[in-house]
Amino acid sequence: MPTKFFRICPLLVLMTVHSGSYAASAQEQDQLSLILQQLDTIERLAARTDTANTSKSVERYRFDYFHLSQDIQRIRQGVQGYLSPARAQPRDPGELIGDYRLEAPPTESSP
């Protein structure tokens, strides 16, 4: 029983000390705000590129802009959630898709 206590005790101390550090420092807030601006820029560039490449492509693979946009939204929500936490309970952050290669639909050959 004492060994179990000594295993749990450091975790409790870390949780107590770390729980007060949810508020980001001013420098960290500035850096995270910059990251949010850069995510906006990336999302705009991806949308512009996706719109420009909507013509029928002959490549076998295409870039999956939809999944990229979803991942950017998830990252943005994580940063915003850190900067202004809505609740103290842990949440499931979900996973990023990370695979942005789409296989082009097979083209029908003309007779």
PDB file of N, CA and C in Angstrom:
ATOM      1  N   MET A   1       0.808  -1.201   0.000  1.00  0.00           N
ATOM      2  CA  MET A   1       0.000   0.000   0.000  1.00  0.00           C
ATOM      3  C   MET A   1       0.854   1.269   0.000  1.00  0.00           C
ATOM      4  N   PRO A   2       1.945   1.347   0.795  1.00  0.00           N
ATOM      5  CA  PRO A   2       2.764   2.556   0.783  1.00  0.00           C
ATOM      6  C   PRO A   2       3.389   2.816  -0.590  1.00  0.00           C
ATOM      7  N   THR A   3       3.787   1.771  -1.315  1.00  0.00           N
ATOM      8  CA  THR A   3       4.392   1.998  -2.624  1.00  0.00           C
ATOM      9  C   THR A   3       3.377   2.584  -3.599  1.00  0.00           C
ATOM     10  N   LYS A   4       2.135   2.180  -3.488  1.00  0.00           N
ATOM     11  CA  LYS A   4       1.100   2.737  -4.356  1.00  0.00           C
ATOM     12  C   LYS A   4       0.909   4.222  -4.053  1.00  0.00           C
ATOM     13  N   PHE A   5       0.971   4.572  -2.779  1.00  0.00           N
ATOM     14  CA  PHE A   5       0.841   5.968  -2.385  1.00  0.00           C
ATOM     15  C   PHE A   5       1.987   6.786  -2.971  1.00  0.00           C
ATOM     16  N   PHE A   6       3.213   6.229  -2.909  1.00  0.00           N
ATOM     17  CA  PHE A   6       4.363   6.957  -3.416  1.00  0.00           C
ATOM     18  C   PHE A   6       4.342   7.090  -4.936  1.00  0.00           C
ATOM     19  N   ARG A   7       3.627   6.224  -5.593  1.00  0.00           N
ATOM     20  CA  ARG A   7       3.454   6.349  -7.049  1.00  0.00           C
ATOM     21  C   ARG A   7       2.434   7.419  -7.383  1.00  0.00           C
ATOM     22  N   ILE A   8       1.376   7.493  -6.605  1.00  0.00           N
ATOM     23  CA  ILE A   8       0.286   8.433  -6.884  1.00  0.00           C
ATOM     24  C   ILE A   8       0.612   9.833  -6.380  1.00  0.00           C
ATOM     25  N   CYS A   9       1.359   9.943  -5.306  1.00  0.00           N
ATOM     26  CA  CYS A   9       1.669  11.236  -4.692  1.00  0.00           C
ATOM     27  C   CYS A   9       2.308  12.226  -5.677  1.00  0.00           C
ATOM     28  N   PRO A  10       3.342  11.837  -6.445  1.00  0.00           N
ATOM     29  CA  PRO A  10       3.916  12.803  -7.393  1.00  0.00           C
ATOM     30  C   PRO A  10       2.907  13.264  -8.445  1.00  0.00           C
ATOM     31  N   LEU A  11       2.034  12.379  -8.860  1.00  0.00           N
ATOM     32  CA  LEU A  11       1.010  12.774  -9.827  1.00  0.00           C
ATOM     33  C   LEU A  11       0.072  13.817  -9.242  1.00  0.00           C
ATOM     34  N   LEU A  12      -0.332  13.625  -8.002  1.00  0.00           N
ATOM     35  CA  LEU A  12      -1.211  14.593  -7.356  1.00  0.00           C
ATOM     36  C   LEU A  12      -0.520  15.945  -7.192  1.00  0.00           C
ATOM     37  N   VAL A  13       0.753  15.921  -6.833  1.00  0.00           N
ATOM     38  CA  VAL A  13       1.502  17.171  -6.692  1.00  0.00           C
ATOM     39  C   VAL A  13       1.601  17.880  -8.033  1.00  0.00           C
ATOM     40  N   LEU A  14       1.926  17.136  -9.088  1.00  0.00           N
ATOM     41  CA  LEU A  14       2.015  17.737 -10.416  1.00  0.00           C
ATOM     42  C   LEU A  14       0.677  18.317 -10.862  1.00  0.00           C
ATOM     43  N   MET A  15      -0.400  17.603 -10.596  1.00  0.00           N
ATOM     44  CA  MET A  15      -1.717  18.094 -10.980  1.00  0.00           C
ATOM     45  C   MET A  15      -2.056  19.374 -10.222  1.00  0.00           C
ATOM     46  N   THR A  16      -1.711  19.429  -8.957  1.00  0.00           N
ATOM     47  CA  THR A  16      -2.005  20.606  -8.149  1.00  0.00           C
ATOM     48  C   THR A  16      -1.186  21.801  -8.613  1.00  0.00           C
ATOM     49  N   VAL A  17       0.104  21.591  -8.852  1.00  0.00           N
ATOM     50  CA  VAL A  17       0.972  22.684  -9.275  1.00  0.00           C
ATOM     51  C   VAL A  17       0.622  23.124 -10.687  1.00  0.00           C
ATOM     52  N   HIS A  18       0.368  22.166 -11.573  1.00  0.00           N
ATOM     53  CA  HIS A  18       0.131  22.478 -12.973  1.00  0.00           C
ATOM     54  C   HIS A  18      -1.269  23.043 -13.212  1.00  0.00           C
ATOM     55  N   SER A  19      -2.220  22.758 -12.337  1.00  0.00           N
ATOM     56  CA  SER A  19      -3.587  23.212 -12.578  1.00  0.00           C
ATOM     57  C   SER A  19      -3.696  24.726 -12.560  1.00  0.00           C
ATOM     58  N   GLY A  20      -2.807  25.412 -11.864  1.00  0.00           N
ATOM     59  CA  GLY A  20      -2.851  26.863 -11.836  1.00  0.00           C
ATOM     60  C   GLY A  20      -2.204  27.499 -13.045  1.00  0.00           C
ATOM     61  N   SER A  21      -1.584  26.712 -13.913  1.00  0.00           N
ATOM     62  CA  SER A  21      -0.871  27.283 -15.047  1.00  0.00           C
ATOM     63  C   SER A  21      -1.662  27.208 -16.349  1.00  0.00           C
ATOM     64  N   TYR A  22      -2.964  27.147 -16.278  1.00  0.00           N
ATOM     65  CA  TYR A  22      -3.763  27.119 -17.495  1.00  0.00           C
ATOM     66  C   TYR A  22      -3.731  28.462 -18.208  1.00  0.00           C
ATOM     67  N   ALA A  23      -3.623  29.532 -17.460  1.00  0.00           N
ATOM     68  CA  ALA A  23      -3.584  30.849 -18.084  1.00  0.00           C
ATOM     69  C   ALA A  23      -2.240  31.014 -18.792  1.00  0.00           C
ATOM     70  N   ALA A  24      -2.292  31.283 -20.066  1.00  0.00           N
ATOM     71  CA  ALA A  24      -1.070  31.432 -20.841  1.00  0.00           C
ATOM     72  C   ALA A  24      -0.426  32.779 -20.537  1.00  0.00           C
ATOM     73  N   SER A  25       0.897  32.818 -20.584  1.00  0.00           N
ATOM     74  CA  SER A  25       1.610  34.078 -20.391  1.00  0.00           C
ATOM     75  C   SER A  25       1.318  34.996 -21.572  1.00  0.00           C
ATOM     76  N   ALA A  26       1.624  36.269 -21.405  1.00  0.00           N
ATOM     77  CA  ALA A  26       1.363  37.240 -22.471  1.00  0.00           C
ATOM     78  C   ALA A  26       2.144  36.884 -23.735  1.00  0.00           C
ATOM     79  N   GLN A  27       3.392  36.455 -23.559  1.00  0.00           N
ATOM     80  CA  GLN A  27       4.202  36.084 -24.722  1.00  0.00           C
ATOM     81  C   GLN A  27       3.608  34.861 -25.422  1.00  0.00           C
ATOM     82  N   GLU A  28       3.177  33.880 -24.629  1.00  0.00           N
ATOM     83  CA  GLU A  28       2.584  32.680 -25.220  1.00  0.00           C
ATOM     84  C   GLU A  28       1.274  33.024 -25.927  1.00  0.00           C
ATOM     85  N   GLN A  29       0.486  33.893 -25.351  1.00  0.00           N
ATOM     86  CA  GLN A  29      -0.761  34.313 -25.995  1.00  0.00           C
ATOM     87  C   GLN A  29      -0.475  34.991 -27.329  1.00  0.00           C
ATOM     88  N   ASP A  30       0.555  35.835 -27.363  1.00  0.00           N
ATOM     89  CA  ASP A  30       0.934  36.492 -28.622  1.00  0.00           C
ATOM     90  C   ASP A  30       1.341  35.467 -29.670  1.00  0.00           C
ATOM     91  N   GLN A  31       2.149  34.491 -29.259  1.00  0.00           N
ATOM     92  CA  GLN A  31       2.607  33.471 -30.197  1.00  0.00           C
ATOM     93  C   GLN A  31       1.455  32.617 -30.709  1.00  0.00           C
ATOM     94  N   LEU A  32       0.545  32.249 -29.816  1.00  0.00           N
ATOM     95  CA  LEU A  32      -0.605  31.441 -30.225  1.00  0.00           C
ATOM     96  C   LEU A  32      -1.556  32.243 -31.109  1.00  0.00           C
ATOM     97  N   SER A  33      -1.682  33.534 -30.854  1.00  0.00           N
ATOM     98  CA  SER A  33      -2.494  34.390 -31.731  1.00  0.00           C
ATOM     99  C   SER A  33      -1.879  34.446 -33.127  1.00  0.00           C
ATOM    100  N   LEU A  34      -0.555  34.507 -33.173  1.00  0.00           N
ATOM    101  CA  LEU A  34       0.137  34.479 -34.464  1.00  0.00           C
ATOM    102  C   LEU A  34      -0.108  33.155 -35.183  1.00  0.00           C
ATOM    103  N   ILE A  35      -0.094  32.070 -34.445  1.00  0.00           N
ATOM    104  CA  ILE A  35      -0.384  30.757 -35.038  1.00  0.00           C
ATOM    105  C   ILE A  35      -1.797  30.744 -35.616  1.00  0.00           C
ATOM    106  N   LEU A  36      -2.760  31.317 -34.892  1.00  0.00           N
ATOM    107  CA  LEU A  36      -4.138  31.371 -35.399  1.00  0.00           C
ATOM    108  C   LEU A  36      -4.220  32.185 -36.685  1.00  0.00           C
ATOM    109  N   GLN A  37      -3.478  33.292 -36.749  1.00  0.00           N
ATOM    110  CA  GLN A  37      -3.458  34.095 -37.984  1.00  0.00           C
ATOM    111  C   GLN A  37      -2.848  33.302 -39.132  1.00  0.00           C
ATOM    112  N   GLN A  38      -1.798  32.556 -38.843  1.00  0.00           N
ATOM    113  CA  GLN A  38      -1.162  31.757 -39.883  1.00  0.00           C
ATOM    114  C   GLN A  38      -2.075  30.627 -40.349  1.00  0.00           C
ATOM    115  N   LEU A  39      -2.841  30.053 -39.434  1.00  0.00           N
ATOM    116  CA  LEU A  39      -3.813  29.033 -39.835  1.00  0.00           C
ATOM    117  C   LEU A  39      -4.872  29.628 -40.757  1.00  0.00           C
ATOM    118  N   ASP A  40      -5.303  30.861 -40.467  1.00  0.00           N
ATOM    119  CA  ASP A  40      -6.255  31.541 -41.353  1.00  0.00           C
ATOM    120  C   ASP A  40      -5.666  31.718 -42.740  1.00  0.00           C
ATOM    121  N   THR A  41      -4.398  32.123 -42.786  1.00  0.00           N
ATOM    122  CA  THR A  41      -3.731  32.323 -44.078  1.00  0.00           C
ATOM    123  C   THR A  41      -3.620  31.009 -44.841  1.00  0.00           C
ATOM    124  N   ILE A  42      -3.226  29.950 -44.164  1.00  0.00           N
ATOM    125  CA  ILE A  42      -3.109  28.640 -44.807  1.00  0.00           C
ATOM    126  C   ILE A  42      -4.457  28.192 -45.338  1.00  0.00           C
ATOM    127  N   GLU A  43      -5.502  28.398 -44.547  1.00  0.00           N
ATOM    128  CA  GLU A  43      -6.831  27.978 -44.976  1.00  0.00           C
ATOM    129  C   GLU A  43      -7.294  28.762 -46.207  1.00  0.00           C
ATOM    130  N   ARG A  44      -7.017  30.071 -46.232  1.00  0.00           N
ATOM    131  CA  ARG A  44      -7.378  30.877 -47.411  1.00  0.00           C
ATOM    132  C   ARG A  44      -6.606  30.424 -48.644  1.00  0.00           C
ATOM    133  N   LEU A  45      -5.295  30.165 -48.487  1.00  0.00           N
ATOM    134  CA  LEU A  45      -4.486  29.705 -49.616  1.00  0.00           C
ATOM    135  C   LEU A  45      -4.979  28.354 -50.135  1.00  0.00           C
ATOM    136  N   ALA A  46      -5.323  27.459 -49.218  1.00  0.00           N
ATOM    137  CA  ALA A  46      -5.812  26.139 -49.624  1.00  0.00           C
ATOM    138  C   ALA A  46      -7.143  26.269 -50.352  1.00  0.00           C
ATOM    139  N   ALA A  47      -8.031  27.129 -49.859  1.00  0.00           N
ATOM    140  CA  ALA A  47      -9.329  27.321 -50.526  1.00  0.00           C
ATOM    141  C   ALA A  47      -9.133  27.907 -51.917  1.00  0.00           C
ATOM    142  N   ARG A  48      -8.218  28.863 -52.033  1.00  0.00           N
ATOM    143  CA  ARG A  48      -7.949  29.475 -53.341  1.00  0.00           C
ATOM    144  C   ARG A  48      -7.375  28.444 -54.306  1.00  0.00           C
ATOM    145  N   THR A  49      -6.450  27.619 -53.822  1.00  0.00           N
ATOM    146  CA  THR A  49      -5.846  26.599 -54.671  1.00  0.00           C
ATOM    147  C   THR A  49      -6.871  25.546 -55.066  1.00  0.00           C
ATOM    148  N   ASP A  50      -7.724  25.164 -54.124  1.00  0.00           N
ATOM    149  CA  ASP A  50      -8.767  24.179 -54.417  1.00  0.00           C
ATOM    150  C   ASP A  50      -9.708  24.708 -55.479  1.00  0.00           C
ATOM    151  N   THR A  51     -10.095  25.969 -55.360  1.00  0.00           N
ATOM    152  CA  THR A  51     -10.993  26.575 -56.346  1.00  0.00           C
ATOM    153  C   THR A  51     -10.329  26.647 -57.715  1.00  0.00           C
ATOM    154  N   ALA A  52      -9.047  26.977 -57.740  1.00  0.00           N
ATOM    155  CA  ALA A  52      -8.325  27.080 -59.011  1.00  0.00           C
ATOM    156  C   ALA A  52      -8.142  25.719 -59.673  1.00  0.00           C
ATOM    157  N   ASN A  53      -8.127  24.659 -58.887  1.00  0.00           N
ATOM    158  CA  ASN A  53      -7.887  23.319 -59.429  1.00  0.00           C
ATOM    159  C   ASN A  53      -9.162  22.493 -59.542  1.00  0.00           C
ATOM    160  N   THR A  54     -10.317  23.139 -59.643  1.00  0.00           N
ATOM    161  CA  THR A  54     -11.558  22.383 -59.756  1.00  0.00           C
ATOM    162  C   THR A  54     -11.785  21.841 -61.155  1.00  0.00           C
ATOM    163  N   SER A  55     -10.971  22.274 -62.100  1.00  0.00           N
ATOM    164  CA  SER A  55     -11.128  21.739 -63.454  1.00  0.00           C
ATOM    165  C   SER A  55     -10.783  20.258 -63.456  1.00  0.00           C
ATOM    166  N   LYS A  56     -11.260  19.563 -64.452  1.00  0.00           N
ATOM    167  CA  LYS A  56     -10.998  18.125 -64.529  1.00  0.00           C
ATOM    168  C   LYS A  56      -9.508  17.886 -64.668  1.00  0.00           C
ATOM    169  N   SER A  57      -9.015  17.095 -63.767  1.00  0.00           N
ATOM    170  CA  SER A  57      -7.590  16.810 -63.725  1.00  0.00           C
ATOM    171  C   SER A  57      -7.340  15.406 -64.260  1.00  0.00           C
ATOM    172  N   VAL A  58      -6.195  15.220 -64.874  1.00  0.00           N
ATOM    173  CA  VAL A  58      -5.862  13.910 -65.420  1.00  0.00           C
ATOM    174  C   VAL A  58      -4.924  13.141 -64.485  1.00  0.00           C
ATOM    175  N   GLU A  59      -4.518  13.759 -63.372  1.00  0.00           N
ATOM    176  CA  GLU A  59      -3.635  13.066 -62.438  1.00  0.00           C
ATOM    177  C   GLU A  59      -4.393  11.963 -61.714  1.00  0.00           C
ATOM    178  N   ARG A  60      -3.638  10.975 -61.311  1.00  0.00           N
ATOM    179  CA  ARG A  60      -4.247   9.853 -60.590  1.00  0.00           C
ATOM    180  C   ARG A  60      -4.619  10.243 -59.165  1.00  0.00           C
ATOM    181  N   TYR A  61      -3.801  11.087 -58.563  1.00  0.00           N
ATOM    182  CA  TYR A  61      -4.047  11.514 -57.183  1.00  0.00           C
ATOM    183  C   TYR A  61      -4.251  13.019 -57.138  1.00  0.00           C
ATOM    184  N   ARG A  62      -5.101  13.422 -56.227  1.00  0.00           N
ATOM    185  CA  ARG A  62      -5.348  14.844 -55.984  1.00  0.00           C
ATOM    186  C   ARG A  62      -5.151  15.126 -54.500  1.00  0.00           C
ATOM    187  N   PHE A  63      -4.916  16.390 -54.179  1.00  0.00           N
ATOM    188  CA  PHE A  63      -4.768  16.793 -52.785  1.00  0.00           C
ATOM    189  C   PHE A  63      -6.159  16.931 -52.172  1.00  0.00           C
ATOM    190  N   ASP A  64      -6.319  16.428 -50.954  1.00  0.00           N
ATOM    191  CA  ASP A  64      -7.624  16.444 -50.277  1.00  0.00           C
ATOM    192  C   ASP A  64      -7.749  17.711 -49.432  1.00  0.00           C
ATOM    193  N   TYR A  65      -8.220  18.787 -50.059  1.00  0.00           N
ATOM    194  CA  TYR A  65      -8.350  20.070 -49.385  1.00  0.00           C
ATOM    195  C   TYR A  65      -9.424  20.039 -48.299  1.00  0.00           C
ATOM    196  N   PHE A  66     -10.427  19.226 -48.473  1.00  0.00           N
ATOM    197  CA  PHE A  66     -11.498  19.132 -47.473  1.00  0.00           C
ATOM    198  C   PHE A  66     -10.941  18.629 -46.138  1.00  0.00           C
ATOM    199  N   HIS A  67     -10.162  17.552 -46.176  1.00  0.00           N
ATOM    200  CA  HIS A  67      -9.593  17.022 -44.932  1.00  0.00           C
ATOM    201  C   HIS A  67      -8.557  17.973 -44.338  1.00  0.00           C
ATOM    202  N   LEU A  68      -7.818  18.668 -45.181  1.00  0.00           N
ATOM    203  CA  LEU A  68      -6.884  19.676 -44.683  1.00  0.00           C
ATOM    204  C   LEU A  68      -7.641  20.757 -43.924  1.00  0.00           C
ATOM    205  N   SER A  69      -8.736  21.208 -44.478  1.00  0.00           N
ATOM    206  CA  SER A  69      -9.548  22.237 -43.824  1.00  0.00           C
ATOM    207  C   SER A  69     -10.100  21.749 -42.487  1.00  0.00           C
ATOM    208  N   GLN A  70     -10.535  20.498 -42.442  1.00  0.00           N
ATOM    209  CA  GLN A  70     -11.025  19.938 -41.177  1.00  0.00           C
ATOM    210  C   GLN A  70      -9.920  19.890 -40.124  1.00  0.00           C
ATOM    211  N   ASP A  71      -8.717  19.499 -40.520  1.00  0.00           N
ATOM    212  CA  ASP A  71      -7.607  19.433 -39.579  1.00  0.00           C
ATOM    213  C   ASP A  71      -7.218  20.831 -39.088  1.00  0.00           C
ATOM    214  N   ILE A  72      -7.231  21.804 -39.981  1.00  0.00           N
ATOM    215  CA  ILE A  72      -6.934  23.180 -39.580  1.00  0.00           C
ATOM    216  C   ILE A  72      -7.969  23.663 -38.566  1.00  0.00           C
ATOM    217  N   GLN A  73      -9.244  23.346 -38.799  1.00  0.00           N
ATOM    218  CA  GLN A  73     -10.294  23.724 -37.847  1.00  0.00           C
ATOM    219  C   GLN A  73     -10.055  23.067 -36.490  1.00  0.00           C
ATOM    220  N   ARG A  74      -9.674  21.814 -36.487  1.00  0.00           N
ATOM    221  CA  ARG A  74      -9.428  21.097 -35.234  1.00  0.00           C
ATOM    222  C   ARG A  74      -8.247  21.712 -34.484  1.00  0.00           C
ATOM    223  N   ILE A  75      -7.185  22.065 -35.205  1.00  0.00           N
ATOM    224  CA  ILE A  75      -6.029  22.710 -34.572  1.00  0.00           C
ATOM    225  C   ILE A  75      -6.441  24.072 -34.019  1.00  0.00           C
ATOM    226  N   ARG A  76      -7.199  24.832 -34.811  1.00  0.00           N
ATOM    227  CA  ARG A  76      -7.663  26.151 -34.374  1.00  0.00           C
ATOM    228  C   ARG A  76      -8.498  26.028 -33.094  1.00  0.00           C
ATOM    229  N   GLN A  77      -9.397  25.063 -33.046  1.00  0.00           N
ATOM    230  CA  GLN A  77     -10.229  24.871 -31.860  1.00  0.00           C
ATOM    231  C   GLN A  77      -9.373  24.507 -30.649  1.00  0.00           C
ATOM    232  N   GLY A  78      -8.327  23.705 -30.865  1.00  0.00           N
ATOM    233  CA  GLY A  78      -7.441  23.340 -29.768  1.00  0.00           C
ATOM    234  C   GLY A  78      -6.689  24.533 -29.210  1.00  0.00           C
ATOM    235  N   VAL A  79      -6.182  25.393 -30.087  1.00  0.00           N
ATOM    236  CA  VAL A  79      -5.460  26.586 -29.637  1.00  0.00           C
ATOM    237  C   VAL A  79      -6.414  27.539 -28.926  1.00  0.00           C
ATOM    238  N   GLN A  80      -7.592  27.759 -29.515  1.00  0.00           N
ATOM    239  CA  GLN A  80      -8.568  28.646 -28.886  1.00  0.00           C
ATOM    240  C   GLN A  80      -9.051  28.082 -27.557  1.00  0.00           C
ATOM    241  N   GLY A  81      -9.210  26.771 -27.500  1.00  0.00           N
ATOM    242  CA  GLY A  81      -9.622  26.141 -26.253  1.00  0.00           C
ATOM    243  C   GLY A  81      -8.573  26.276 -25.169  1.00  0.00           C
ATOM    244  N   TYR A  82      -7.305  26.295 -25.561  1.00  0.00           N
ATOM    245  CA  TYR A  82      -6.236  26.490 -24.585  1.00  0.00           C
ATOM    246  C   TYR A  82      -6.215  27.938 -24.100  1.00  0.00           C
ATOM    247  N   LEU A  83      -6.390  28.874 -25.044  1.00  0.00           N
ATOM    248  CA  LEU A  83      -6.331  30.284 -24.668  1.00  0.00           C
ATOM    249  C   LEU A  83      -7.500  30.701 -23.781  1.00  0.00           C
ATOM    250  N   SER A  84      -8.656  30.125 -24.017  1.00  0.00           N
ATOM    251  CA  SER A  84      -9.826  30.464 -23.188  1.00  0.00           C
ATOM    252  C   SER A  84     -10.612  29.189 -22.919  1.00  0.00           C
ATOM    253  N   PRO A  85     -10.156  28.406 -21.942  1.00  0.00           N
ATOM    254  CA  PRO A  85     -10.827  27.136 -21.654  1.00  0.00           C
ATOM    255  C   PRO A  85     -12.265  27.372 -21.195  1.00  0.00           C
ATOM    256  N   ALA A  86     -13.180  26.597 -21.752  1.00  0.00           N
ATOM    257  CA  ALA A  86     -14.587  26.740 -21.421  1.00  0.00           C
ATOM    258  C   ALA A  86     -14.962  25.926 -20.191  1.00  0.00           C
ATOM    259  N   ARG A  87     -14.171  24.908 -19.872  1.00  0.00           N
ATOM    260  CA  ARG A  87     -14.493  24.044 -18.742  1.00  0.00           C
ATOM    261  C   ARG A  87     -13.218  23.394 -18.220  1.00  0.00           C
ATOM    262  N   ALA A  88     -13.317  22.890 -17.030  1.00  0.00           N
ATOM    263  CA  ALA A  88     -12.146  22.292 -16.401  1.00  0.00           C
ATOM    264  C   ALA A  88     -12.027  20.804 -16.689  1.00  0.00           C
ATOM    265  N   GLN A  89     -13.052  20.207 -17.270  1.00  0.00           N
ATOM    266  CA  GLN A  89     -13.043  18.771 -17.535  1.00  0.00           C
ATOM    267  C   GLN A  89     -12.235  18.464 -18.783  1.00  0.00           C
ATOM    268  N   PRO A  90     -11.529  17.348 -18.806  1.00  0.00           N
ATOM    269  CA  PRO A  90     -10.807  16.969 -20.020  1.00  0.00           C
ATOM    270  C   PRO A  90     -11.789  16.625 -21.131  1.00  0.00           C
ATOM    271  N   ARG A  91     -11.340  16.819 -22.342  1.00  0.00           N
ATOM    272  CA  ARG A  91     -12.193  16.509 -23.486  1.00  0.00           C
ATOM    273  C   ARG A  91     -11.429  15.631 -24.453  1.00  0.00           C
ATOM    274  N   ASP A  92     -12.166  14.986 -25.329  1.00  0.00           N
ATOM    275  CA  ASP A  92     -11.544  14.133 -26.330  1.00  0.00           C
ATOM    276  C   ASP A  92     -11.122  15.007 -27.502  1.00  0.00           C
ATOM    277  N   PRO A  93      -9.822  15.178 -27.735  1.00  0.00           N
ATOM    278  CA  PRO A  93      -9.389  16.075 -28.798  1.00  0.00           C
ATOM    279  C   PRO A  93      -9.592  15.513 -30.203  1.00  0.00           C
ATOM    280  N   GLY A  94      -9.812  14.225 -30.337  1.00  0.00           N
ATOM    281  CA  GLY A  94      -9.951  13.630 -31.666  1.00  0.00           C
ATOM    282  C   GLY A  94      -8.596  13.540 -32.352  1.00  0.00           C
ATOM    283  N   GLU A  95      -8.581  12.952 -33.502  1.00  0.00           N
ATOM    284  CA  GLU A  95      -7.329  12.789 -34.225  1.00  0.00           C
ATOM    285  C   GLU A  95      -7.369  13.558 -35.527  1.00  0.00           C
ATOM    286  N   LEU A  96      -6.208  14.018 -35.939  1.00  0.00           N
ATOM    287  CA  LEU A  96      -6.089  14.662 -37.235  1.00  0.00           C
ATOM    288  C   LEU A  96      -6.097  13.582 -38.304  1.00  0.00           C
ATOM    289  N   ILE A  97      -6.593  13.925 -39.450  1.00  0.00           N
ATOM    290  CA  ILE A  97      -6.649  12.966 -40.546  1.00  0.00           C
ATOM    291  C   ILE A  97      -5.252  12.766 -41.111  1.00  0.00           C
ATOM    292  N   GLY A  98      -4.588  13.844 -41.492  1.00  0.00           N
ATOM    293  CA  GLY A  98      -3.198  13.795 -41.879  1.00  0.00           C
ATOM    294  C   GLY A  98      -2.891  13.197 -43.234  1.00  0.00           C
ATOM    295  N   ASP A  99      -3.821  12.519 -43.861  1.00  0.00           N
ATOM    296  CA  ASP A  99      -3.588  11.939 -45.178  1.00  0.00           C
ATOM    297  C   ASP A  99      -4.397  12.746 -46.173  1.00  0.00           C
ATOM    298  N   TYR A 100      -3.716  13.502 -47.016  1.00  0.00           N
ATOM    299  CA  TYR A 100      -4.407  14.432 -47.904  1.00  0.00           C
ATOM    300  C   TYR A 100      -4.321  14.035 -49.373  1.00  0.00           C
ATOM    301  N   ARG A 101      -4.084  12.771 -49.633  1.00  0.00           N
ATOM    302  CA  ARG A 101      -3.997  12.324 -51.020  1.00  0.00           C
ATOM    303  C   ARG A 101      -5.273  11.575 -51.375  1.00  0.00           C
ATOM    304  N   LEU A 102      -5.977  12.068 -52.386  1.00  0.00           N
ATOM    305  CA  LEU A 102      -7.185  11.424 -52.885  1.00  0.00           C
ATOM    306  C   LEU A 102      -6.877  10.739 -54.195  1.00  0.00           C
ATOM    307  N   GLU A 103      -7.432   9.595 -54.372  1.00  0.00           N
ATOM    308  CA  GLU A 103      -7.288   8.922 -55.646  1.00  0.00           C
ATOM    309  C   GLU A 103      -8.347   9.471 -56.578  1.00  0.00           C
ATOM    310  N   ALA A 104      -7.934   9.853 -57.756  1.00  0.00           N
ATOM    311  CA  ALA A 104      -8.871  10.391 -58.737  1.00  0.00           C
ATOM    312  C   ALA A 104      -9.793   9.274 -59.212  1.00  0.00           C
ATOM    313  N   PRO A 105     -11.071   9.605 -59.466  1.00  0.00           N
ATOM    314  CA  PRO A 105     -11.968   8.562 -59.987  1.00  0.00           C
ATOM    315  C   PRO A 105     -11.470   8.091 -61.344  1.00  0.00           C
ATOM    316  N   PRO A 106     -11.679   6.818 -61.639  1.00  0.00           N
ATOM    317  CA  PRO A 106     -11.191   6.306 -62.923  1.00  0.00           C
ATOM    318  C   PRO A 106     -11.877   7.018 -64.077  1.00  0.00           C
ATOM    319  N   THR A 107     -11.089   7.356 -65.068  1.00  0.00           N
ATOM    320  CA  THR A 107     -11.632   8.029 -66.245  1.00  0.00           C
ATOM    321  C   THR A 107     -12.138   6.990 -67.210  1.00  0.00           C
ATOM    322  N   GLU A 108     -13.233   7.325 -67.829  1.00  0.00           N
ATOM    323  CA  GLU A 108     -13.803   6.397 -68.814  1.00  0.00           C
ATOM    324  C   GLU A 108     -13.109   6.633 -70.136  1.00  0.00           C
ATOM    325  N   SER A 109     -12.643   5.553 -70.733  1.00  0.00           N
ATOM    326  CA  SER A 109     -11.974   5.690 -72.022  1.00  0.00           C
ATOM    327  C   SER A 109     -13.010   5.796 -73.133  1.00  0.00           C
ATOM    328  N   SER A 110     -12.728   6.636 -74.103  1.00  0.00           N
ATOM    329  CA  SER A 110     -13.655   6.791 -75.224  1.00  0.00           C
ATOM    330  C   SER A 110     -13.408   5.711 -76.273  1.00  0.00           C
ATOM    331  N   PRO A 111     -14.498   5.176 -76.849  1.00  0.00           N
ATOM    332  CA  PRO A 111     -14.334   4.103 -77.837  1.00  0.00           C
ATOM    333  C   PRO A 111     -13.776   4.563 -79.141  1.00  0.00           C
TER     334      PRO A 111
END
